[in-house]
Amino acid sequence: MSEELNLNEMEKVNGGTGGSPTPLPPKSGCEVYKIKSKQTLSGIAQSYGTTWRYLMSINVGIISNENDITAGRYIYVPKR
């Protein structure tokens, strides 16, 4: 009997998809940020004085869903 993994289970096995698995190259006006355990995109945005929507806009192709970010992955945040 074989078991099939659904997409959510596959993401857990593969480490998720929310953010880049490797550090990102420099981007004008941004810093590279490593997501910590139990963080949310809105929480990160608040600590940088911005919105989760803005973080989504500077991370096109890096974050596909604002509710799915993965600890240990990298995203762009605005420079402080």
C-alpha atoms as a PDB file:
ATOM      1  CA  MET A   1       0.000   0.000   0.000  1.00  0.00           C
ATOM      2  CA  SER A   2       1.564   3.320  -1.051  1.00  0.00           C
ATOM      3  CA  GLU A   3       0.794   6.688   0.451  1.00  0.00           C
ATOM      4  CA  GLU A   4       0.645   9.891  -1.524  1.00  0.00           C
ATOM      5  CA  LEU A   5       1.624  13.244  -0.054  1.00  0.00           C
ATOM      6  CA  ASN A   6      -0.650  16.188  -0.669  1.00  0.00           C
ATOM      7  CA  LEU A   7       0.937  19.523  -1.627  1.00  0.00           C
ATOM      8  CA  ASN A   8       1.027  20.844   1.959  1.00  0.00           C
ATOM      9  CA  GLU A   9       2.770  17.703   3.197  1.00  0.00           C
ATOM     10  CA  MET A  10       5.261  17.898   0.311  1.00  0.00           C
ATOM     11  CA  GLU A  11       6.126  21.474   1.272  1.00  0.00           C
ATOM     12  CA  LYS A  12       6.856  20.322   4.830  1.00  0.00           C
ATOM     13  CA  VAL A  13       9.162  17.605   3.528  1.00  0.00           C
ATOM     14  CA  ASN A  14      10.889  20.013   1.138  1.00  0.00           C
ATOM     15  CA  GLY A  15      11.203  22.783   3.725  1.00  0.00           C
ATOM     16  CA  GLY A  16       8.288  24.927   2.551  1.00  0.00           C
ATOM     17  CA  THR A  17       8.169  27.578  -0.114  1.00  0.00           C
ATOM     18  CA  GLY A  18       7.826  30.842   1.815  1.00  0.00           C
ATOM     19  CA  GLY A  19      11.092  32.661   1.138  1.00  0.00           C
ATOM     20  CA  SER A  20      14.382  31.840  -0.523  1.00  0.00           C
ATOM     21  CA  PRO A  21      16.361  28.853   0.770  1.00  0.00           C
ATOM     22  CA  THR A  22      19.640  30.727   0.125  1.00  0.00           C
ATOM     23  CA  PRO A  23      20.677  34.301   0.924  1.00  0.00           C
ATOM     24  CA  LEU A  24      19.447  36.762  -1.674  1.00  0.00           C
ATOM     25  CA  PRO A  25      21.603  39.085  -3.783  1.00  0.00           C
ATOM     26  CA  PRO A  26      21.673  42.783  -2.836  1.00  0.00           C
ATOM     27  CA  LYS A  27      18.637  44.826  -3.857  1.00  0.00           C
ATOM     28  CA  SER A  28      18.497  48.634  -3.863  1.00  0.00           C
ATOM     29  CA  GLY A  29      16.787  50.034  -0.766  1.00  0.00           C
ATOM     30  CA  CYS A  30      16.491  46.609   0.869  1.00  0.00           C
ATOM     31  CA  GLU A  31      18.184  44.365   3.399  1.00  0.00           C
ATOM     32  CA  VAL A  32      18.150  40.575   3.319  1.00  0.00           C
ATOM     33  CA  TYR A  33      16.292  39.137   6.317  1.00  0.00           C
ATOM     34  CA  LYS A  34      16.336  35.557   7.610  1.00  0.00           C
ATOM     35  CA  ILE A  35      12.889  34.495   8.847  1.00  0.00           C
ATOM     36  CA  LYS A  36      12.822  33.227  12.427  1.00  0.00           C
ATOM     37  CA  SER A  37      10.625  30.502  13.864  1.00  0.00           C
ATOM     38  CA  LYS A  38       6.985  31.466  14.532  1.00  0.00           C
ATOM     39  CA  GLN A  39       7.244  34.814  12.715  1.00  0.00           C
ATOM     40  CA  THR A  40       4.493  36.143  10.489  1.00  0.00           C
ATOM     41  CA  LEU A  41       4.857  38.418   7.505  1.00  0.00           C
ATOM     42  CA  SER A  42       2.684  41.051   9.183  1.00  0.00           C
ATOM     43  CA  GLY A  43       4.839  40.859  12.330  1.00  0.00           C
ATOM     44  CA  ILE A  44       8.037  41.300  10.328  1.00  0.00           C
ATOM     45  CA  ALA A  45       6.429  44.189   8.435  1.00  0.00           C
ATOM     46  CA  GLN A  46       5.399  45.890  11.662  1.00  0.00           C
ATOM     47  CA  SER A  47       8.948  45.696  13.034  1.00  0.00           C
ATOM     48  CA  TYR A  48      10.176  47.448   9.870  1.00  0.00           C
ATOM     49  CA  GLY A  49       7.430  50.087   9.902  1.00  0.00           C
ATOM     50  CA  THR A  50       5.698  48.823   6.777  1.00  0.00           C
ATOM     51  CA  THR A  51       2.889  46.493   5.688  1.00  0.00           C
ATOM     52  CA  TRP A  52       2.806  42.849   4.666  1.00  0.00           C
ATOM     53  CA  ARG A  53       1.542  44.015   1.274  1.00  0.00           C
ATOM     54  CA  TYR A  54       4.686  46.080   0.751  1.00  0.00           C
ATOM     55  CA  LEU A  55       6.851  43.096   1.738  1.00  0.00           C
ATOM     56  CA  MET A  56       4.953  40.994  -0.799  1.00  0.00           C
ATOM     57  CA  SER A  57       5.620  43.631  -3.477  1.00  0.00           C
ATOM     58  CA  ILE A  58       9.397  43.653  -2.915  1.00  0.00           C
ATOM     59  CA  ASN A  59       9.498  39.855  -2.723  1.00  0.00           C
ATOM     60  CA  VAL A  60       7.690  38.954  -5.964  1.00  0.00           C
ATOM     61  CA  GLY A  61       8.765  35.449  -6.927  1.00  0.00           C
ATOM     62  CA  ILE A  62      10.154  34.840  -3.421  1.00  0.00           C
ATOM     63  CA  ILE A  63       6.942  34.829  -1.381  1.00  0.00           C
ATOM     64  CA  SER A  64       3.872  33.458  -3.118  1.00  0.00           C
ATOM     65  CA  ASN A  65       1.468  33.469  -0.154  1.00  0.00           C
ATOM     66  CA  GLU A  66       1.509  35.942   2.733  1.00  0.00           C
ATOM     67  CA  ASN A  67       0.343  33.204   5.103  1.00  0.00           C
ATOM     68  CA  ASP A  68       3.143  30.798   4.188  1.00  0.00           C
ATOM     69  CA  ILE A  69       6.612  31.927   5.196  1.00  0.00           C
ATOM     70  CA  THR A  70       9.183  29.436   6.400  1.00  0.00           C
ATOM     71  CA  ALA A  71      11.726  29.846   9.199  1.00  0.00           C
ATOM     72  CA  GLY A  72      15.301  29.791   7.944  1.00  0.00           C
ATOM     73  CA  ARG A  73      14.394  31.214   4.539  1.00  0.00           C
ATOM     74  CA  TYR A  74      15.302  34.705   3.303  1.00  0.00           C
ATOM     75  CA  ILE A  75      13.242  37.680   2.176  1.00  0.00           C
ATOM     76  CA  TYR A  76      13.854  41.332   1.388  1.00  0.00           C
ATOM     77  CA  VAL A  77      12.882  43.982   3.935  1.00  0.00           C
ATOM     78  CA  PRO A  78      13.241  47.776   3.681  1.00  0.00           C
ATOM     79  CA  LYS A  79      16.512  49.257   4.934  1.00  0.00           C
ATOM     80  CA  ARG A  80      16.222  50.802   8.380  1.00  0.00           C
END
